[in-house]
Amino acid sequence: MAGAAEAPGRRADRRPSFLPSSPDVAFCGYSIPHPSEKVVNLRIQTTGATSAAAALRQAAVDLKAAATTLRDVFAAACEAGEAGAAIDGAPPAVVPPK
């Protein structure tokens, strides 16, 4: 279905894969019963080393850490770009004249 990822109820389609990459997770999946409902059904099957709830909590912690790192790197890049400095050997940002 074209444009399904753009529907408000389909935001789960764009989730990062923090949960499936866990070594304790054997299977994870989701379903959205209906686009008009604000509900996402999760199914998490673990290897038995941890519970599904613990695996989901750890994935949330990992996602938050990744978002914090991304925010910090982006903020540093914006500050360096405004100053015209290079980041990690990259050429300086070109800012068009006002």
C-alpha atoms as a PDB file:
ATOM      1  CA  MET A   1       0.000   0.000   0.000  1.00  0.00           C
ATOM      2  CA  ALA A   2       1.619   3.250  -1.123  1.00  0.00           C
ATOM      3  CA  GLY A   3       1.985   5.937   1.522  1.00  0.00           C
ATOM      4  CA  ALA A   4       1.232   3.596   4.435  1.00  0.00           C
ATOM      5  CA  ALA A   5       4.386   4.708   6.253  1.00  0.00           C
ATOM      6  CA  GLU A   6       3.136   8.305   6.184  1.00  0.00           C
ATOM      7  CA  ALA A   7      -0.135   7.587   7.981  1.00  0.00           C
ATOM      8  CA  PRO A   8      -0.134   8.802  11.603  1.00  0.00           C
ATOM      9  CA  GLY A   9      -0.850   5.318  12.933  1.00  0.00           C
ATOM     10  CA  ARG A  10       2.132   3.824  11.112  1.00  0.00           C
ATOM     11  CA  ARG A  11       4.943   5.507  13.020  1.00  0.00           C
ATOM     12  CA  ALA A  12       5.980   2.115  14.405  1.00  0.00           C
ATOM     13  CA  ASP A  13       7.131   1.244  10.861  1.00  0.00           C
ATOM     14  CA  ARG A  14      10.089   3.545  11.326  1.00  0.00           C
ATOM     15  CA  ARG A  15      11.356   2.077  14.592  1.00  0.00           C
ATOM     16  CA  PRO A  16      15.056   1.352  15.018  1.00  0.00           C
ATOM     17  CA  SER A  17      16.036  -2.265  15.482  1.00  0.00           C
ATOM     18  CA  PHE A  18      17.269  -2.129  19.072  1.00  0.00           C
ATOM     19  CA  LEU A  19      15.014  -4.925  20.265  1.00  0.00           C
ATOM     20  CA  PRO A  20      15.720  -7.527  17.533  1.00  0.00           C
ATOM     21  CA  SER A  21      19.478  -6.959  17.858  1.00  0.00           C
ATOM     22  CA  SER A  22      19.468  -8.108  21.498  1.00  0.00           C
ATOM     23  CA  PRO A  23      21.049 -11.557  21.901  1.00  0.00           C
ATOM     24  CA  ASP A  24      18.313 -12.505  24.399  1.00  0.00           C
ATOM     25  CA  VAL A  25      15.477 -11.871  21.914  1.00  0.00           C
ATOM     26  CA  ALA A  26      14.521 -14.795  19.680  1.00  0.00           C
ATOM     27  CA  PHE A  27      11.614 -13.040  17.947  1.00  0.00           C
ATOM     28  CA  CYS A  28       9.908  -9.683  18.039  1.00  0.00           C
ATOM     29  CA  GLY A  29       7.127  -8.310  15.946  1.00  0.00           C
ATOM     30  CA  TYR A  30       4.304  -5.849  16.030  1.00  0.00           C
ATOM     31  CA  SER A  31       0.905  -5.290  14.533  1.00  0.00           C
ATOM     32  CA  ILE A  32      -1.379  -2.303  14.320  1.00  0.00           C
ATOM     33  CA  PRO A  33      -4.988  -3.457  14.623  1.00  0.00           C
ATOM     34  CA  HIS A  34      -6.475  -0.472  12.828  1.00  0.00           C
ATOM     35  CA  PRO A  35      -4.981   2.822  11.594  1.00  0.00           C
ATOM     36  CA  SER A  36      -7.584   4.853  13.480  1.00  0.00           C
ATOM     37  CA  GLU A  37      -6.603   3.265  16.807  1.00  0.00           C
ATOM     38  CA  LYS A  38      -3.582   4.497  18.745  1.00  0.00           C
ATOM     39  CA  VAL A  39      -2.563   0.936  19.601  1.00  0.00           C
ATOM     40  CA  VAL A  40       0.490  -1.136  18.704  1.00  0.00           C
ATOM     41  CA  ASN A  41       0.579  -4.800  19.690  1.00  0.00           C
ATOM     42  CA  LEU A  42       4.069  -6.083  20.509  1.00  0.00           C
ATOM     43  CA  ARG A  43       5.143  -9.712  20.603  1.00  0.00           C
ATOM     44  CA  ILE A  44       8.518 -10.399  22.158  1.00  0.00           C
ATOM     45  CA  GLN A  45       9.859 -13.920  22.533  1.00  0.00           C
ATOM     46  CA  THR A  46      13.096 -14.313  24.458  1.00  0.00           C
ATOM     47  CA  THR A  47      15.594 -17.145  24.743  1.00  0.00           C
ATOM     48  CA  GLY A  48      14.711 -17.563  28.413  1.00  0.00           C
ATOM     49  CA  ALA A  49      17.698 -15.630  29.757  1.00  0.00           C
ATOM     50  CA  THR A  50      15.495 -12.595  30.414  1.00  0.00           C
ATOM     51  CA  SER A  51      11.832 -11.645  30.389  1.00  0.00           C
ATOM     52  CA  ALA A  52      10.102  -9.907  27.501  1.00  0.00           C
ATOM     53  CA  ALA A  53       9.449  -6.870  29.704  1.00  0.00           C
ATOM     54  CA  ALA A  54      13.133  -6.639  30.664  1.00  0.00           C
ATOM     55  CA  ALA A  55      14.189  -6.926  27.016  1.00  0.00           C
ATOM     56  CA  LEU A  56      11.771  -4.133  26.067  1.00  0.00           C
ATOM     57  CA  ARG A  57      13.044  -1.924  28.910  1.00  0.00           C
ATOM     58  CA  GLN A  58      16.659  -2.492  27.832  1.00  0.00           C
ATOM     59  CA  ALA A  59      15.776  -1.646  24.218  1.00  0.00           C
ATOM     60  CA  ALA A  60      14.176   1.602  25.449  1.00  0.00           C
ATOM     61  CA  VAL A  61      17.326   2.458  27.439  1.00  0.00           C
ATOM     62  CA  ASP A  62      19.498   1.735  24.373  1.00  0.00           C
ATOM     63  CA  LEU A  63      17.228   3.848  22.167  1.00  0.00           C
ATOM     64  CA  LYS A  64      17.389   6.759  24.617  1.00  0.00           C
ATOM     65  CA  ALA A  65      21.199   6.537  24.732  1.00  0.00           C
ATOM     66  CA  ALA A  66      21.386   6.528  20.916  1.00  0.00           C
ATOM     67  CA  ALA A  67      19.037   9.525  20.700  1.00  0.00           C
ATOM     68  CA  THR A  68      21.098  11.434  23.262  1.00  0.00           C
ATOM     69  CA  THR A  69      24.305  10.716  21.344  1.00  0.00           C
ATOM     70  CA  LEU A  70      22.687  11.757  18.066  1.00  0.00           C
ATOM     71  CA  ARG A  71      21.416  14.983  19.633  1.00  0.00           C
ATOM     72  CA  ASP A  72      24.859  15.805  21.055  1.00  0.00           C
ATOM     73  CA  VAL A  73      26.682  15.086  17.782  1.00  0.00           C
ATOM     74  CA  PHE A  74      24.117  17.109  15.830  1.00  0.00           C
ATOM     75  CA  ALA A  75      24.404  20.053  18.237  1.00  0.00           C
ATOM     76  CA  ALA A  76      28.214  19.964  17.979  1.00  0.00           C
ATOM     77  CA  ALA A  77      27.998  19.841  14.181  1.00  0.00           C
ATOM     78  CA  CYS A  78      25.630  22.800  14.136  1.00  0.00           C
ATOM     79  CA  GLU A  79      27.885  24.830  16.430  1.00  0.00           C
ATOM     80  CA  ALA A  80      30.976  23.964  14.397  1.00  0.00           C
ATOM     81  CA  GLY A  81      29.151  24.737  11.165  1.00  0.00           C
ATOM     82  CA  GLU A  82      28.135  28.158  12.442  1.00  0.00           C
ATOM     83  CA  ALA A  83      31.726  28.874  13.415  1.00  0.00           C
ATOM     84  CA  GLY A  84      33.015  27.596  10.067  1.00  0.00           C
ATOM     85  CA  ALA A  85      35.213  24.958  11.741  1.00  0.00           C
ATOM     86  CA  ALA A  86      35.737  21.419  10.486  1.00  0.00           C
ATOM     87  CA  ILE A  87      34.421  18.405  12.414  1.00  0.00           C
ATOM     88  CA  ASP A  88      36.574  15.267  12.489  1.00  0.00           C
ATOM     89  CA  GLY A  89      38.525  16.289   9.409  1.00  0.00           C
ATOM     90  CA  ALA A  90      35.450  17.170   7.344  1.00  0.00           C
ATOM     91  CA  PRO A  91      35.590  20.365   5.285  1.00  0.00           C
ATOM     92  CA  PRO A  92      33.996  23.409   6.899  1.00  0.00           C
ATOM     93  CA  ALA A  93      30.352  24.038   6.209  1.00  0.00           C
ATOM     94  CA  VAL A  94      29.582  26.566   3.513  1.00  0.00           C
ATOM     95  CA  VAL A  95      27.133  29.132   4.781  1.00  0.00           C
ATOM     96  CA  PRO A  96      25.473  31.230   2.076  1.00  0.00           C
ATOM     97  CA  PRO A  97      25.715  34.986   2.573  1.00  0.00           C
ATOM     98  CA  LYS A  98      22.648  36.718   3.972  1.00  0.00           C
END
